[in-house]
PDB file of all heavy atoms in Angstrom:
ATOM      1  N   ASP A   1    -196.594 -46.510 -93.857  1.00  0.00           N
ATOM      2  CA  ASP A   1    -198.009 -46.255 -93.577  1.00  0.00           C
ATOM      3  C   ASP A   1    -198.781 -47.527 -93.308  1.00  0.00           C
ATOM      4  O   ASP A   1    -199.736 -47.575 -92.540  1.00  0.00           O
ATOM      5  CB  ASP A   1    -198.668 -45.497 -94.758  1.00  0.00           C
ATOM      6  CG  ASP A   1    -198.158 -44.081 -94.882  1.00  0.00           C
ATOM      7  OD1 ASP A   1    -197.652 -43.530 -93.893  1.00  0.00           O
ATOM      8  OD2 ASP A   1    -198.272 -43.492 -95.997  1.00  0.00           O
ATOM      9  N   LEU A   2    -198.336 -48.615 -93.955  1.00  0.00           N
ATOM     10  CA  LEU A   2    -198.940 -49.935 -93.695  1.00  0.00           C
ATOM     11  C   LEU A   2    -198.714 -50.377 -92.254  1.00  0.00           C
ATOM     12  O   LEU A   2    -199.606 -50.946 -91.628  1.00  0.00           O
ATOM     13  CB  LEU A   2    -198.365 -51.003 -94.626  1.00  0.00           C
ATOM     14  CG  LEU A   2    -198.805 -50.998 -96.102  1.00  0.00           C
ATOM     15  CD1 LEU A   2    -198.101 -52.154 -96.811  1.00  0.00           C
ATOM     16  CD2 LEU A   2    -200.283 -51.109 -96.252  1.00  0.00           C
ATOM     17  N   GLN A   3    -197.517 -50.103 -91.742  1.00  0.00           N
ATOM     18  CA  GLN A   3    -197.236 -50.457 -90.369  1.00  0.00           C
ATOM     19  C   GLN A   3    -198.178 -49.718 -89.407  1.00  0.00           C
ATOM     20  O   GLN A   3    -198.755 -50.320 -88.450  1.00  0.00           O
ATOM     21  CB  GLN A   3    -195.800 -50.117 -90.002  1.00  0.00           C
ATOM     22  CG  GLN A   3    -195.479 -50.373 -88.514  1.00  0.00           C
ATOM     23  CD  GLN A   3    -193.977 -50.261 -88.229  1.00  0.00           C
ATOM     24  OE1 GLN A   3    -193.145 -50.801 -88.955  1.00  0.00           O
ATOM     25  NE2 GLN A   3    -193.633 -49.576 -87.135  1.00  0.00           N
ATOM     26  N   ILE A   4    -198.390 -48.443 -89.679  1.00  0.00           N
ATOM     27  CA  ILE A   4    -199.289 -47.691 -88.825  1.00  0.00           C
ATOM     28  C   ILE A   4    -200.729 -48.218 -88.966  1.00  0.00           C
ATOM     29  O   ILE A   4    -201.459 -48.336 -87.975  1.00  0.00           O
ATOM     30  CB  ILE A   4    -199.240 -46.192 -89.198  1.00  0.00           C
ATOM     31  CG1 ILE A   4    -197.838 -45.631 -88.930  1.00  0.00           C
ATOM     32  CG2 ILE A   4    -200.299 -45.391 -88.424  1.00  0.00           C
ATOM     33  CD1 ILE A   4    -197.615 -44.202 -89.379  1.00  0.00           C
ATOM     34  N   ALA A   5    -201.108 -48.569 -90.192  1.00  0.00           N
ATOM     35  CA  ALA A   5    -202.488 -49.077 -90.421  1.00  0.00           C
ATOM     36  C   ALA A   5    -202.707 -50.375 -89.675  1.00  0.00           C
ATOM     37  O   ALA A   5    -203.776 -50.572 -89.047  1.00  0.00           O
ATOM     38  CB  ALA A   5    -202.693 -49.276 -91.926  1.00  0.00           C
ATOM     39  N   LEU A   6    -201.766 -51.312 -89.719  1.00  0.00           N
ATOM     40  CA  LEU A   6    -202.002 -52.587 -89.046  1.00  0.00           C
ATOM     41  C   LEU A   6    -201.944 -52.414 -87.534  1.00  0.00           C
ATOM     42  O   LEU A   6    -202.667 -53.110 -86.816  1.00  0.00           O
ATOM     43  CB  LEU A   6    -201.002 -53.637 -89.531  1.00  0.00           C
ATOM     44  CG  LEU A   6    -199.559 -53.604 -89.079  1.00  0.00           C
ATOM     45  CD1 LEU A   6    -199.343 -54.374 -87.767  1.00  0.00           C
ATOM     46  CD2 LEU A   6    -198.646 -54.179 -90.146  1.00  0.00           C
ATOM     47  N   ARG A   7    -201.128 -51.494 -87.053  1.00  0.00           N
ATOM     48  CA  ARG A   7    -201.097 -51.238 -85.604  1.00  0.00           C
ATOM     49  C   ARG A   7    -202.405 -50.585 -85.151  1.00  0.00           C
ATOM     50  O   ARG A   7    -202.923 -50.852 -84.058  1.00  0.00           O
ATOM     51  CB  ARG A   7    -199.909 -50.358 -85.254  1.00  0.00           C
ATOM     52  CG  ARG A   7    -198.579 -51.109 -85.284  1.00  0.00           C
ATOM     53  CD  ARG A   7    -197.474 -50.313 -84.635  1.00  0.00           C
ATOM     54  NE  ARG A   7    -197.889 -49.983 -83.281  1.00  0.00           N
ATOM     55  CZ  ARG A   7    -197.470 -48.879 -82.624  1.00  0.00           C
ATOM     56  NH1 ARG A   7    -196.689 -47.999 -83.223  1.00  0.00           N
ATOM     57  NH2 ARG A   7    -197.881 -48.636 -81.412  1.00  0.00           N
ATOM     58  N   LEU A   8    -202.970 -49.714 -85.969  1.00  0.00           N
ATOM     59  CA  LEU A   8    -204.270 -49.137 -85.649  1.00  0.00           C
ATOM     60  C   LEU A   8    -205.366 -50.186 -85.659  1.00  0.00           C
ATOM     61  O   LEU A   8    -206.289 -50.163 -84.833  1.00  0.00           O
ATOM     62  CB  LEU A   8    -204.618 -48.019 -86.641  1.00  0.00           C
ATOM     63  CG  LEU A   8    -203.822 -46.721 -86.502  1.00  0.00           C
ATOM     64  CD1 LEU A   8    -204.178 -45.756 -87.615  1.00  0.00           C
ATOM     65  CD2 LEU A   8    -204.026 -46.026 -85.158  1.00  0.00           C
ATOM     66  N   SER A   9    -205.227 -51.148 -86.568  1.00  0.00           N
ATOM     67  CA  SER A   9    -206.230 -52.258 -86.612  1.00  0.00           C
ATOM     68  C   SER A   9    -206.153 -53.101 -85.328  1.00  0.00           C
ATOM     69  O   SER A   9    -207.187 -53.412 -84.756  1.00  0.00           O
ATOM     70  CB  SER A   9    -205.967 -53.148 -87.823  1.00  0.00           C
ATOM     71  OG  SER A   9    -206.091 -52.462 -89.037  1.00  0.00           O
ATOM     72  N   LEU A  10    -204.930 -53.420 -84.896  1.00  0.00           N
ATOM     73  CA  LEU A  10    -204.788 -54.183 -83.650  1.00  0.00           C
ATOM     74  C   LEU A  10    -205.288 -53.388 -82.467  1.00  0.00           C
ATOM     75  O   LEU A  10    -205.961 -53.923 -81.552  1.00  0.00           O
ATOM     76  CB  LEU A  10    -203.314 -54.577 -83.472  1.00  0.00           C
ATOM     77  CG  LEU A  10    -203.021 -55.421 -82.219  1.00  0.00           C
ATOM     78  CD1 LEU A  10    -203.767 -56.703 -82.192  1.00  0.00           C
ATOM     79  CD2 LEU A  10    -201.496 -55.677 -82.121  1.00  0.00           C
ATOM     80  N   ALA A  11    -204.952 -52.096 -82.424  1.00  0.00           N
ATOM     81  CA  ALA A  11    -205.422 -51.241 -81.325  1.00  0.00           C
ATOM     82  C   ALA A  11    -206.957 -51.176 -81.327  1.00  0.00           C
ATOM     83  O   ALA A  11    -207.567 -51.200 -80.233  1.00  0.00           O
ATOM     84  CB  ALA A  11    -204.867 -49.853 -81.497  1.00  0.00           C
ATOM     85  N   THR A  12    -207.567 -51.145 -82.469  1.00  0.00           N
ATOM     86  CA  THR A  12    -209.021 -51.103 -82.563  1.00  0.00           C
ATOM     87  C   THR A  12    -209.652 -52.376 -82.027  1.00  0.00           C
ATOM     88  O   THR A  12    -210.617 -52.364 -81.284  1.00  0.00           O
ATOM     89  CB  THR A  12    -209.475 -50.876 -84.014  1.00  0.00           C
ATOM     90  OG1 THR A  12    -208.900 -49.639 -84.485  1.00  0.00           O
ATOM     91  CG2 THR A  12    -210.965 -50.804 -84.134  1.00  0.00           C
ATOM     92  N   LEU A  13    -209.065 -53.542 -82.387  1.00  0.00           N
ATOM     93  CA  LEU A  13    -209.576 -54.815 -81.892  1.00  0.00           C
ATOM     94  C   LEU A  13    -209.481 -54.888 -80.372  1.00  0.00           C
ATOM     95  O   LEU A  13    -210.425 -55.310 -79.699  1.00  0.00           O
ATOM     96  CB  LEU A  13    -208.792 -55.982 -82.538  1.00  0.00           C
ATOM     97  CG  LEU A  13    -208.992 -56.181 -84.012  1.00  0.00           C
ATOM     98  CD1 LEU A  13    -208.023 -57.253 -84.533  1.00  0.00           C
ATOM     99  CD2 LEU A  13    -210.409 -56.573 -84.340  1.00  0.00           C
ATOM    100  N   ASN A  14    -208.358 -54.444 -79.831  1.00  0.00           N
ATOM    101  CA  ASN A  14    -208.223 -54.432 -78.368  1.00  0.00           C
ATOM    102  C   ASN A  14    -209.163 -53.439 -77.718  1.00  0.00           C
ATOM    103  O   ASN A  14    -209.699 -53.688 -76.635  1.00  0.00           O
ATOM    104  CB  ASN A  14    -206.763 -54.115 -77.970  1.00  0.00           C
ATOM    105  CG  ASN A  14    -205.937 -55.370 -77.762  1.00  0.00           C
ATOM    106  OD1 ASN A  14    -206.302 -56.227 -76.968  1.00  0.00           O
ATOM    107  ND2 ASN A  14    -204.841 -55.496 -78.458  1.00  0.00           N
ATOM    108  N   ALA A  15    -209.364 -52.283 -78.362  1.00  0.00           N
ATOM    109  CA  ALA A  15    -210.288 -51.296 -77.816  1.00  0.00           C
ATOM    110  C   ALA A  15    -211.700 -51.824 -77.824  1.00  0.00           C
ATOM    111  O   ALA A  15    -212.458 -51.605 -76.877  1.00  0.00           O
ATOM    112  CB  ALA A  15    -210.176 -49.981 -78.631  1.00  0.00           C
ATOM    113  N   ILE A  16    -212.102 -52.527 -78.887  1.00  0.00           N
ATOM    114  CA  ILE A  16    -213.445 -53.088 -78.966  1.00  0.00           C
ATOM    115  C   ILE A  16    -213.673 -54.103 -77.826  1.00  0.00           C
ATOM    116  O   ILE A  16    -214.739 -54.107 -77.174  1.00  0.00           O
ATOM    117  CB  ILE A  16    -213.706 -53.763 -80.322  1.00  0.00           C
ATOM    118  CG1 ILE A  16    -213.793 -52.673 -81.438  1.00  0.00           C
ATOM    119  CG2 ILE A  16    -214.973 -54.609 -80.305  1.00  0.00           C
ATOM    120  CD1 ILE A  16    -213.813 -53.240 -82.818  1.00  0.00           C
ATOM    121  N   ALA A  17    -212.636 -54.932 -77.561  1.00  0.00           N
ATOM    122  CA  ALA A  17    -212.767 -55.887 -76.463  1.00  0.00           C
ATOM    123  C   ALA A  17    -212.907 -55.177 -75.125  1.00  0.00           C
ATOM    124  O   ALA A  17    -213.682 -55.585 -74.277  1.00  0.00           O
ATOM    125  CB  ALA A  17    -211.549 -56.812 -76.481  1.00  0.00           C
ATOM    126  N   LEU A  18    -212.149 -54.087 -74.915  1.00  0.00           N
ATOM    127  CA  LEU A  18    -212.244 -53.304 -73.713  1.00  0.00           C
ATOM    128  C   LEU A  18    -213.597 -52.633 -73.598  1.00  0.00           C
ATOM    129  O   LEU A  18    -214.148 -52.466 -72.503  1.00  0.00           O
ATOM    130  CB  LEU A  18    -211.115 -52.286 -73.635  1.00  0.00           C
ATOM    131  CG  LEU A  18    -209.831 -52.716 -72.946  1.00  0.00           C
ATOM    132  CD1 LEU A  18    -208.814 -51.566 -72.976  1.00  0.00           C
ATOM    133  CD2 LEU A  18    -210.056 -53.184 -71.519  1.00  0.00           C
ATOM    134  N   ILE A  19    -214.099 -52.158 -74.739  1.00  0.00           N
ATOM    135  CA  ILE A  19    -215.425 -51.522 -74.737  1.00  0.00           C
ATOM    136  C   ILE A  19    -216.493 -52.556 -74.276  1.00  0.00           C
ATOM    137  O   ILE A  19    -217.412 -52.197 -73.538  1.00  0.00           O
ATOM    138  CB  ILE A  19    -215.728 -50.971 -76.136  1.00  0.00           C
ATOM    139  CG1 ILE A  19    -214.891 -49.696 -76.403  1.00  0.00           C
ATOM    140  CG2 ILE A  19    -217.222 -50.653 -76.300  1.00  0.00           C
ATOM    141  CD1 ILE A  19    -214.909 -49.256 -77.849  1.00  0.00           C
ATOM    142  N   LEU A  20    -216.358 -53.776 -74.731  1.00  0.00           N
ATOM    143  CA  LEU A  20    -217.286 -54.836 -74.271  1.00  0.00           C
ATOM    144  C   LEU A  20    -217.165 -55.024 -72.782  1.00  0.00           C
ATOM    145  O   LEU A  20    -218.196 -55.165 -72.086  1.00  0.00           O
ATOM    146  CB  LEU A  20    -216.998 -56.151 -75.000  1.00  0.00           C
ATOM    147  CG  LEU A  20    -217.340 -56.192 -76.501  1.00  0.00           C
ATOM    148  CD1 LEU A  20    -216.860 -57.506 -77.110  1.00  0.00           C
ATOM    149  CD2 LEU A  20    -218.837 -56.002 -76.715  1.00  0.00           C
ATOM    150  N   VAL A  21    -215.945 -54.998 -72.245  1.00  0.00           N
ATOM    151  CA  VAL A  21    -215.773 -55.105 -70.806  1.00  0.00           C
ATOM    152  C   VAL A  21    -216.444 -53.943 -70.111  1.00  0.00           C
ATOM    153  O   VAL A  21    -217.150 -54.133 -69.079  1.00  0.00           O
ATOM    154  CB  VAL A  21    -214.274 -55.181 -70.435  1.00  0.00           C
ATOM    155  CG1 VAL A  21    -214.078 -55.125 -68.920  1.00  0.00           C
ATOM    156  CG2 VAL A  21    -213.639 -56.448 -70.995  1.00  0.00           C
ATOM    157  N   ARG A  22    -216.259 -52.744 -70.629  1.00  0.00           N
ATOM    158  CA  ARG A  22    -216.906 -51.570 -70.001  1.00  0.00           C
ATOM    159  C   ARG A  22    -218.410 -51.692 -69.973  1.00  0.00           C
ATOM    160  O   ARG A  22    -219.061 -51.331 -69.002  1.00  0.00           O
ATOM    161  CB  ARG A  22    -216.493 -50.304 -70.760  1.00  0.00           C
ATOM    162  CG  ARG A  22    -216.983 -49.023 -70.071  1.00  0.00           C
ATOM    163  CD  ARG A  22    -217.136 -47.861 -70.974  1.00  0.00           C
ATOM    164  NE  ARG A  22    -218.251 -47.993 -71.923  1.00  0.00           N
ATOM    165  CZ  ARG A  22    -219.514 -47.813 -71.621  1.00  0.00           C
ATOM    166  NH1 ARG A  22    -219.898 -47.490 -70.385  1.00  0.00           N
ATOM    167  NH2 ARG A  22    -220.467 -47.984 -72.530  1.00  0.00           N
ATOM    168  N   ARG A  23    -218.970 -52.202 -71.054  1.00  0.00           N
ATOM    169  CA  ARG A  23    -220.446 -52.369 -71.094  1.00  0.00           C
ATOM    170  C   ARG A  23    -220.900 -53.425 -70.124  1.00  0.00           C
ATOM    171  O   ARG A  23    -222.001 -53.304 -69.542  1.00  0.00           O
ATOM    172  CB  ARG A  23    -220.876 -52.673 -72.513  1.00  0.00           C
ATOM    173  CG  ARG A  23    -220.590 -51.499 -73.456  1.00  0.00           C
ATOM    174  CD  ARG A  23    -221.131 -51.650 -74.860  1.00  0.00           C
ATOM    175  NE  ARG A  23    -220.888 -50.496 -75.657  1.00  0.00           N
ATOM    176  CZ  ARG A  23    -221.352 -50.306 -76.878  1.00  0.00           C
ATOM    177  NH1 ARG A  23    -222.118 -51.229 -77.437  1.00  0.00           N
ATOM    178  NH2 ARG A  23    -221.054 -49.208 -77.581  1.00  0.00           N
ATOM    179  N   ALA A  24    -220.100 -54.476 -69.929  1.00  0.00           N
ATOM    180  CA  ALA A  24    -220.421 -55.499 -68.918  1.00  0.00           C
ATOM    181  C   ALA A  24    -220.379 -54.857 -67.539  1.00  0.00           C
ATOM    182  O   ALA A  24    -221.217 -55.168 -66.701  1.00  0.00           O
ATOM    183  CB  ALA A  24    -219.469 -56.663 -69.023  1.00  0.00           C
ATOM    184  N   VAL A  25    -219.373 -54.008 -67.293  1.00  0.00           N
ATOM    185  CA  VAL A  25    -219.296 -53.338 -66.020  1.00  0.00           C
ATOM    186  C   VAL A  25    -220.486 -52.454 -65.802  1.00  0.00           C
ATOM    187  O   VAL A  25    -221.062 -52.359 -64.675  1.00  0.00           O
ATOM    188  CB  VAL A  25    -217.979 -52.482 -65.945  1.00  0.00           C
ATOM    189  CG1 VAL A  25    -217.959 -51.627 -64.694  1.00  0.00           C
ATOM    190  CG2 VAL A  25    -216.771 -53.394 -65.995  1.00  0.00           C
ATOM    191  N   SER A  26    -220.936 -51.764 -66.848  1.00  0.00           N
ATOM    192  CA  SER A  26    -222.118 -50.890 -66.742  1.00  0.00           C
ATOM    193  C   SER A  26    -223.362 -51.704 -66.322  1.00  0.00           C
ATOM    194  O   SER A  26    -224.148 -51.251 -65.483  1.00  0.00           O
ATOM    195  CB  SER A  26    -222.369 -50.212 -68.068  1.00  0.00           C
ATOM    196  OG  SER A  26    -223.480 -49.344 -68.022  1.00  0.00           O
ATOM    197  N   LYS A  27    -223.504 -52.867 -66.879  1.00  0.00           N
ATOM    198  CA  LYS A  27    -224.657 -53.696 -66.562  1.00  0.00           C
ATOM    199  C   LYS A  27    -224.603 -54.283 -65.165  1.00  0.00           C
ATOM    200  O   LYS A  27    -225.616 -54.329 -64.463  1.00  0.00           O
ATOM    201  CB  LYS A  27    -224.782 -54.807 -67.597  1.00  0.00           C
ATOM    202  CG  LYS A  27    -226.050 -55.632 -67.511  1.00  0.00           C
ATOM    203  CD  LYS A  27    -226.167 -56.578 -68.675  1.00  0.00           C
ATOM    204  CE  LYS A  27    -227.473 -57.376 -68.646  1.00  0.00           C
ATOM    205  NZ  LYS A  27    -227.604 -58.277 -69.825  1.00  0.00           N
ATOM    206  N   ARG A  28    -223.407 -54.666 -64.738  1.00  0.00           N
ATOM    207  CA  ARG A  28    -223.283 -55.363 -63.449  1.00  0.00           C
ATOM    208  C   ARG A  28    -223.052 -54.380 -62.279  1.00  0.00           C
ATOM    209  O   ARG A  28    -223.551 -54.632 -61.177  1.00  0.00           O
ATOM    210  CB  ARG A  28    -222.153 -56.374 -63.488  1.00  0.00           C
ATOM    211  CG  ARG A  28    -221.975 -57.179 -62.213  1.00  0.00           C
ATOM    212  CD  ARG A  28    -221.542 -58.574 -62.480  1.00  0.00           C
ATOM    213  NE  ARG A  28    -221.397 -59.375 -61.264  1.00  0.00           N
ATOM    214  CZ  ARG A  28    -222.393 -59.955 -60.624  1.00  0.00           C
ATOM    215  NH1 ARG A  28    -223.658 -59.814 -61.048  1.00  0.00           N
ATOM    216  NH2 ARG A  28    -222.177 -60.679 -59.529  1.00  0.00           N
ATOM    217  N   PHE A  29    -222.275 -53.316 -62.539  1.00  0.00           N
ATOM    218  CA  PHE A  29    -221.911 -52.429 -61.417  1.00  0.00           C
ATOM    219  C   PHE A  29    -222.455 -51.005 -61.564  1.00  0.00           C
ATOM    220  O   PHE A  29    -222.287 -50.177 -60.657  1.00  0.00           O
ATOM    221  CB  PHE A  29    -220.397 -52.341 -61.278  1.00  0.00           C
ATOM    222  CG  PHE A  29    -219.749 -53.679 -60.932  1.00  0.00           C
ATOM    223  CD1 PHE A  29    -219.215 -54.448 -61.951  1.00  0.00           C
ATOM    224  CD2 PHE A  29    -219.701 -54.129 -59.627  1.00  0.00           C
ATOM    225  CE1 PHE A  29    -218.621 -55.671 -61.633  1.00  0.00           C
ATOM    226  CE2 PHE A  29    -219.109 -55.328 -59.330  1.00  0.00           C
ATOM    227  CZ  PHE A  29    -218.572 -56.109 -60.321  1.00  0.00           C
ATOM    228  N   GLY A  30    -223.108 -50.724 -62.687  1.00  0.00           N
ATOM    229  CA  GLY A  30    -223.680 -49.373 -62.884  1.00  0.00           C
ATOM    230  C   GLY A  30    -222.910 -48.529 -63.846  1.00  0.00           C
ATOM    231  O   GLY A  30    -221.704 -48.741 -64.068  1.00  0.00           O
ATOM    232  N   ARG A  31    -223.592 -47.539 -64.431  1.00  0.00           N
ATOM    233  CA  ARG A  31    -222.974 -46.702 -65.447  1.00  0.00           C
ATOM    234  C   ARG A  31    -221.792 -45.903 -64.957  1.00  0.00           C
ATOM    235  O   ARG A  31    -220.763 -45.785 -65.606  1.00  0.00           O
ATOM    236  CB  ARG A  31    -224.013 -45.728 -66.055  1.00  0.00           C
ATOM    237  CG  ARG A  31    -224.977 -46.384 -67.019  1.00  0.00           C
ATOM    238  CD  ARG A  31    -225.843 -45.323 -67.676  1.00  0.00           C
ATOM    239  NE  ARG A  31    -226.547 -44.525 -66.675  1.00  0.00           N
ATOM    240  CZ  ARG A  31    -227.217 -43.393 -66.957  1.00  0.00           C
ATOM    241  NH1 ARG A  31    -227.208 -42.945 -68.231  1.00  0.00           N
ATOM    242  NH2 ARG A  31    -227.835 -42.732 -66.015  1.00  0.00           N
ATOM    243  N   ARG A  32    -221.936 -45.313 -63.767  1.00  0.00           N
ATOM    244  CA  ARG A  32    -220.833 -44.503 -63.202  1.00  0.00           C
ATOM    245  C   ARG A  32    -219.587 -45.314 -62.995  1.00  0.00           C
ATOM    246  O   ARG A  32    -218.463 -44.849 -63.251  1.00  0.00           O
ATOM    247  CB  ARG A  32    -221.269 -43.832 -61.937  1.00  0.00           C
ATOM    248  CG  ARG A  32    -222.308 -42.707 -62.136  1.00  0.00           C
ATOM    249  CD  ARG A  32    -222.611 -42.021 -60.791  1.00  0.00           C
ATOM    250  NE  ARG A  32    -221.419 -41.450 -60.198  1.00  0.00           N
ATOM    251  CZ  ARG A  32    -221.292 -41.124 -58.920  1.00  0.00           C
ATOM    252  NH1 ARG A  32    -222.294 -41.361 -58.085  1.00  0.00           N
ATOM    253  NH2 ARG A  32    -220.197 -40.592 -58.464  1.00  0.00           N
ATOM    254  N   THR A  33    -219.740 -46.533 -62.539  1.00  0.00           N
ATOM    255  CA  THR A  33    -218.561 -47.411 -62.360  1.00  0.00           C
ATOM    256  C   THR A  33    -217.910 -47.696 -63.702  1.00  0.00           C
ATOM    257  O   THR A  33    -216.677 -47.717 -63.795  1.00  0.00           O
ATOM    258  CB  THR A  33    -218.974 -48.726 -61.669  1.00  0.00           C
ATOM    259  OG1 THR A  33    -219.646 -48.446 -60.451  1.00  0.00           O
ATOM    260  CG2 THR A  33    -217.776 -49.581 -61.406  1.00  0.00           C
ATOM    261  N   SER A  34    -218.728 -47.895 -64.750  1.00  0.00           N
ATOM    262  CA  SER A  34    -218.169 -48.215 -66.059  1.00  0.00           C
ATOM    263  C   SER A  34    -217.442 -46.988 -66.628  1.00  0.00           C
ATOM    264  O   SER A  34    -216.434 -47.128 -67.312  1.00  0.00           O
ATOM    265  CB  SER A  34    -219.269 -48.667 -67.026  1.00  0.00           C
ATOM    266  OG  SER A  34    -220.086 -47.569 -67.450  1.00  0.00           O
ATOM    267  N   TRP A  35    -217.949 -45.803 -66.364  1.00  0.00           N
ATOM    268  CA  TRP A  35    -217.255 -44.584 -66.824  1.00  0.00           C
ATOM    269  C   TRP A  35    -215.908 -44.413 -66.111  1.00  0.00           C
ATOM    270  O   TRP A  35    -214.914 -44.046 -66.715  1.00  0.00           O
ATOM    271  CB  TRP A  35    -218.141 -43.337 -66.574  1.00  0.00           C
ATOM    272  CG  TRP A  35    -219.403 -43.330 -67.349  1.00  0.00           C
ATOM    273  CD1 TRP A  35    -219.760 -44.120 -68.410  1.00  0.00           C
ATOM    274  CD2 TRP A  35    -220.587 -42.540 -67.086  1.00  0.00           C
ATOM    275  NE1 TRP A  35    -221.017 -43.871 -68.847  1.00  0.00           N
ATOM    276  CE2 TRP A  35    -221.559 -42.918 -68.042  1.00  0.00           C
ATOM    277  CE3 TRP A  35    -220.913 -41.578 -66.124  1.00  0.00           C
ATOM    278  CZ2 TRP A  35    -222.825 -42.301 -68.075  1.00  0.00           C
ATOM    279  CZ3 TRP A  35    -222.155 -40.969 -66.158  1.00  0.00           C
ATOM    280  CH2 TRP A  35    -223.105 -41.330 -67.118  1.00  0.00           C
ATOM    281  N   LEU A  36    -215.936 -44.654 -64.793  1.00  0.00           N
ATOM    282  CA  LEU A  36    -214.680 -44.588 -64.023  1.00  0.00           C
ATOM    283  C   LEU A  36    -213.685 -45.664 -64.492  1.00  0.00           C
ATOM    284  O   LEU A  36    -212.481 -45.419 -64.525  1.00  0.00           O
ATOM    285  CB  LEU A  36    -214.981 -44.736 -62.553  1.00  0.00           C
ATOM    286  CG  LEU A  36    -215.707 -43.531 -61.919  1.00  0.00           C
ATOM    287  CD1 LEU A  36    -216.215 -43.903 -60.525  1.00  0.00           C
ATOM    288  CD2 LEU A  36    -214.792 -42.312 -61.858  1.00  0.00           C
TER     289      LEU A  36
END
């Protein structure tokens, strides 16, 4: 269960970084582009 927990932690960190990229896309290219 610890292995799953640490992998979920790493996945969350990578997802947060991608979410930041998506929000940058929303600001620069528009909301619909960020959703796509």
